[in-house]
Amino acid sequence: MNRQIDAVIFDLDGTLVDSQPAVLRATQEALARFDISVSDQEVRERFGGGSRNIMSYFLVRELGEGKANQHIDEAVEAKNSLQTEYSSDVALLPGVDKLLAQLKQDGFQLGIATMGAGATARRVLSRKRIDAYFARVLTVDDVTKPKPDPEILERATELLGVEIGRSMYVGDSGHDLGAAAAIDMPFVLADTGLFMDGTRRIDLREQAQSIGYPVVEIDDLESITTIAKNYSPS
């Protein structure tokens, strides 16, 4: 049987790396500059869609829309700068090295499509020594609309020179799933539980399974290779 998938594109935070300590610390310290205090759980619940999305939410909630609009650019820059600074706190998830090496050996093109800032994403990939695996790295800096809009996936497949239907996206959030589903792109839910917990995590798993998307656990990421090799559209 001919292989149906030519490229595997990954989200980054919560999918390939545990960036939770850096994200929480950077978000909280950036918001503190505006005398805003938020809990770890509040940040987790709002994570996804990029720094502007999460910072805008808390600024509007605490300061009102007018003041939030005045400070949003400063807040986003502060959060991104801090998160880049704290990139040494980011750790590869179990099996990621072997997963990427096997996919590369098997001839898949690999890419990154993340709502993280470009400088932060590239610093993390370099520090973790996995940057060489990826032919294309797309970040929030490369698109005008954040996930769940599929713009970043459409652009990634275009730059990789592969068809959307012959590409597979791997992500850990509802934003990732929504972006893939919007363009009928094959998708794998990496159920790592880093930014999703409780009923939100259960609901996401059920949503993925109802569509027919595979779900892999945090300790079984290496199985993504088998899924990509054996994928067949329903």
Protein backbone atom coordinates (compact mmCIF):
# COMPACT_ATOMS: atom_id res chain seq x y z
CA MET A 1 0.00 0.00 0.00
CA ASN A 2 1.28 3.45 -0.89
CA ARG A 3 1.79 5.78 2.03
CA GLN A 4 -0.88 8.49 2.32
CA ILE A 5 1.05 11.02 4.44
CA ASP A 6 4.08 12.95 3.17
CA ALA A 7 4.56 15.50 5.97
CA VAL A 8 4.02 15.67 9.72
CA ILE A 9 3.57 19.13 11.21
CA PHE A 10 3.74 19.69 14.95
CA ASP A 11 2.49 22.21 17.42
CA LEU A 12 5.27 22.95 19.91
CA ASP A 13 4.16 23.89 23.44
CA GLY A 14 2.50 20.96 25.18
CA THR A 15 3.03 18.73 22.14
CA LEU A 16 6.79 18.31 21.77
CA VAL A 17 7.98 20.22 24.82
CA ASP A 18 6.85 20.94 28.37
CA SER A 19 6.99 24.72 28.35
CA GLN A 20 4.46 25.12 31.14
CA PRO A 21 6.88 26.53 33.76
CA ALA A 22 8.19 29.14 31.30
CA VAL A 23 4.71 30.08 30.05
CA LEU A 24 3.27 30.46 33.54
CA ARG A 25 6.21 32.45 34.86
CA ALA A 26 6.43 34.76 31.84
CA THR A 27 2.68 35.42 31.73
CA GLN A 28 2.40 36.13 35.43
CA GLU A 29 5.47 38.38 35.57
CA ALA A 30 4.38 40.33 32.50
CA LEU A 31 0.90 40.88 33.94
CA ALA A 32 2.36 41.90 37.30
CA ARG A 33 3.86 44.94 35.56
CA PHE A 34 0.27 46.13 35.22
CA ASP A 35 -0.60 45.15 38.81
CA ILE A 36 -2.54 42.11 37.60
CA SER A 37 -2.26 38.84 39.52
CA VAL A 38 -3.40 35.54 37.98
CA SER A 39 -3.15 31.94 39.16
CA ASP A 40 -1.46 29.06 37.39
CA GLN A 41 -4.87 27.52 36.68
CA GLU A 42 -6.22 30.73 35.14
CA VAL A 43 -3.28 30.87 32.74
CA ARG A 44 -3.70 27.21 31.78
CA GLU A 45 -7.37 27.72 31.06
CA ARG A 46 -6.66 30.62 28.69
CA PHE A 47 -3.59 29.13 27.01
CA GLY A 48 -3.78 28.82 23.24
CA GLY A 49 -4.04 31.18 20.32
CA GLY A 50 -0.84 33.07 21.05
CA SER A 51 0.41 35.66 23.53
CA ARG A 52 -1.86 38.44 22.28
CA ASN A 53 -4.91 36.29 22.92
CA ILE A 54 -4.01 35.40 26.50
CA MET A 55 -2.67 38.83 27.48
CA SER A 56 -5.64 40.62 25.96
CA TYR A 57 -8.05 38.47 27.97
CA PHE A 58 -6.51 39.34 31.33
CA LEU A 59 -5.92 43.00 30.50
CA VAL A 60 -9.53 43.50 29.41
CA ARG A 61 -10.82 41.61 32.44
CA GLU A 62 -8.81 43.66 34.92
CA LEU A 63 -8.39 47.06 33.26
CA GLY A 64 -11.29 47.36 30.86
CA GLU A 65 -11.12 47.40 27.08
CA GLY A 66 -9.89 50.99 26.74
CA LYS A 67 -6.83 50.64 28.96
CA ALA A 68 -6.22 47.12 27.69
CA ASN A 69 -5.93 48.40 24.13
CA GLN A 70 -3.40 51.00 25.29
CA HIS A 71 -1.15 48.41 26.93
CA ILE A 72 -1.60 45.26 24.84
CA ASP A 73 1.49 45.66 22.66
CA GLU A 74 3.70 46.36 25.68
CA ALA A 75 2.23 43.39 27.55
CA VAL A 76 2.71 40.98 24.64
CA GLU A 77 6.30 42.12 24.11
CA ALA A 78 7.04 41.68 27.82
CA LYS A 79 5.52 38.19 27.95
CA ASN A 80 7.32 37.01 24.81
CA SER A 81 10.65 38.45 25.94
CA LEU A 82 10.36 36.79 29.34
CA GLN A 83 9.33 33.46 27.85
CA THR A 84 12.35 33.51 25.54
CA GLU A 85 14.52 34.30 28.56
CA TYR A 86 13.07 31.34 30.45
CA SER A 87 13.47 28.89 27.58
CA SER A 88 16.10 27.01 29.58
CA ASP A 89 13.19 25.80 31.76
CA VAL A 90 11.62 23.99 28.78
CA ALA A 91 12.00 20.19 28.56
CA LEU A 92 11.48 17.73 25.72
CA LEU A 93 8.59 15.37 26.28
CA PRO A 94 9.36 11.63 26.58
CA GLY A 95 10.28 9.95 23.32
CA VAL A 96 10.34 13.11 21.20
CA ASP A 97 13.96 12.62 20.12
CA LYS A 98 13.24 9.08 18.91
CA LEU A 99 9.96 10.13 17.30
CA LEU A 100 11.54 12.88 15.21
CA ALA A 101 14.54 10.76 14.26
CA GLN A 102 12.31 7.90 13.10
CA LEU A 103 10.00 10.16 11.10
CA LYS A 104 12.99 11.74 9.41
CA GLN A 105 14.52 8.35 8.68
CA ASP A 106 11.22 7.19 7.19
CA GLY A 107 11.25 10.10 4.74
CA PHE A 108 8.58 12.37 6.17
CA GLN A 109 8.96 16.11 5.82
CA LEU A 110 8.66 17.78 9.21
CA GLY A 111 7.40 21.21 10.18
CA ILE A 112 6.36 23.32 13.15
CA ALA A 113 3.16 25.38 13.29
CA THR A 114 2.90 27.15 16.64
CA MET A 115 1.22 30.25 18.02
CA GLY A 116 4.36 30.90 20.03
CA ALA A 117 6.54 33.88 19.17
CA GLY A 118 9.22 33.23 16.56
CA ALA A 119 12.19 34.10 18.76
CA THR A 120 10.91 31.92 21.58
CA ALA A 121 10.13 28.93 19.39
CA ARG A 122 13.47 29.02 17.62
CA ARG A 123 15.35 29.38 20.90
CA VAL A 124 13.57 26.34 22.32
CA LEU A 125 14.16 24.22 19.21
CA SER A 126 17.83 25.16 19.22
CA ARG A 127 18.34 24.61 22.95
CA LYS A 128 16.70 21.19 22.74
CA ARG A 129 18.78 20.39 19.62
CA ILE A 130 15.82 19.40 17.48
CA ASP A 131 15.80 22.38 15.12
CA ALA A 132 17.59 20.46 12.35
CA TYR A 133 14.65 18.07 11.99
CA PHE A 134 12.29 20.75 10.71
CA ALA A 135 12.23 21.99 7.14
CA ARG A 136 9.84 24.81 8.07
CA VAL A 137 9.08 26.56 11.35
CA LEU A 138 6.01 28.78 11.31
CA THR A 139 4.99 30.89 14.29
CA VAL A 140 2.45 33.55 15.18
CA ASP A 141 4.78 36.05 13.49
CA ASP A 142 4.08 34.44 10.11
CA VAL A 143 0.28 34.71 10.06
CA THR A 144 -2.45 37.29 10.54
CA LYS A 145 -5.03 35.01 12.15
CA PRO A 146 -4.32 32.73 15.14
CA LYS A 147 -5.48 29.15 15.52
CA PRO A 148 -8.14 27.79 15.41
CA ASP A 149 -8.08 29.63 12.08
CA PRO A 150 -6.26 27.23 9.72
CA GLU A 151 -4.08 29.92 8.10
CA ILE A 152 -0.87 28.66 9.70
CA LEU A 153 -1.52 25.08 8.53
CA GLU A 154 -2.36 26.19 5.00
CA ARG A 155 0.83 28.23 4.89
CA ALA A 156 2.93 25.41 6.36
CA THR A 157 1.77 22.87 3.78
CA GLU A 158 2.30 25.38 1.00
CA LEU A 159 5.88 26.07 2.08
CA LEU A 160 6.58 22.35 2.50
CA GLY A 161 5.17 21.73 -0.97
CA VAL A 162 2.69 19.09 0.18
CA GLU A 163 -1.07 18.74 -0.12
CA ILE A 164 -3.19 19.42 2.95
CA GLY A 165 -4.74 15.97 2.72
CA ARG A 166 -1.30 14.35 2.64
CA SER A 167 -0.10 16.22 5.72
CA MET A 168 -0.76 15.35 9.34
CA TYR A 169 -0.94 17.87 12.17
CA VAL A 170 -0.11 16.89 15.74
CA GLY A 171 -1.32 19.12 18.57
CA ASP A 172 -2.53 19.10 22.15
CA SER A 173 -5.33 21.67 22.21
CA GLY A 174 -8.78 22.45 20.91
CA HIS A 175 -7.24 25.26 18.86
CA ASP A 176 -5.02 22.71 17.11
CA LEU A 177 -7.88 20.31 16.49
CA GLY A 178 -10.14 23.10 15.24
CA ALA A 179 -7.57 24.39 12.77
CA ALA A 180 -7.02 20.92 11.29
CA ALA A 181 -10.72 20.08 11.17
CA ALA A 182 -11.50 23.35 9.38
CA ILE A 183 -9.55 22.19 6.32
CA ASP A 184 -10.08 18.41 6.67
CA MET A 185 -6.45 17.87 7.53
CA PRO A 186 -5.44 14.59 9.21
CA PHE A 187 -4.82 15.21 12.90
CA VAL A 188 -3.45 13.43 15.96
CA LEU A 189 -4.32 14.66 19.45
CA ALA A 190 -1.29 14.52 21.74
CA ASP A 191 -3.08 14.11 25.06
CA THR A 192 -0.20 15.31 27.23
CA GLY A 193 -2.35 16.99 29.87
CA LEU A 194 0.09 19.86 30.33
CA PHE A 195 -2.27 22.71 29.49
CA MET A 196 -5.55 20.78 29.54
CA ASP A 197 -6.99 19.05 32.59
CA GLY A 198 -10.23 17.95 34.19
CA THR A 199 -13.40 18.06 32.13
CA ARG A 200 -11.75 20.22 29.45
CA ARG A 201 -9.26 17.43 28.79
CA ILE A 202 -11.96 14.76 28.74
CA ASP A 203 -14.14 16.81 26.41
CA LEU A 204 -11.24 17.35 24.00
CA ARG A 205 -10.45 13.65 23.87
CA GLU A 206 -14.09 12.85 23.17
CA GLN A 207 -14.28 15.51 20.47
CA ALA A 208 -11.20 14.13 18.71
CA GLN A 209 -12.46 10.56 18.91
CA SER A 210 -15.91 11.54 17.60
CA ILE A 211 -14.27 12.95 14.46
CA GLY A 212 -12.11 9.86 14.09
CA TYR A 213 -8.81 11.49 15.07
CA PRO A 214 -6.30 9.26 16.89
CA VAL A 215 -5.38 10.16 20.47
CA VAL A 216 -1.94 9.38 21.90
CA GLU A 217 -0.83 9.61 25.53
CA ILE A 218 2.18 11.55 26.77
CA ASP A 219 4.19 8.34 27.23
CA ASP A 220 3.33 7.00 23.77
CA LEU A 221 4.29 9.85 21.44
CA GLU A 222 6.57 7.54 19.47
CA SER A 223 3.45 5.78 18.14
CA ILE A 224 2.80 8.84 15.96
CA THR A 225 5.29 7.34 13.50
CA THR A 226 3.13 4.24 13.07
CA ILE A 227 -0.02 6.35 12.74
CA ALA A 228 1.57 8.48 10.00
CA LYS A 229 2.88 5.46 8.11
CA ASN A 230 -0.43 3.60 8.23
CA TYR A 231 -2.87 6.49 7.88
CA SER A 232 -5.73 5.87 5.48
CA PRO A 233 -8.54 8.39 4.91
CA SER A 234 -11.95 7.13 5.93
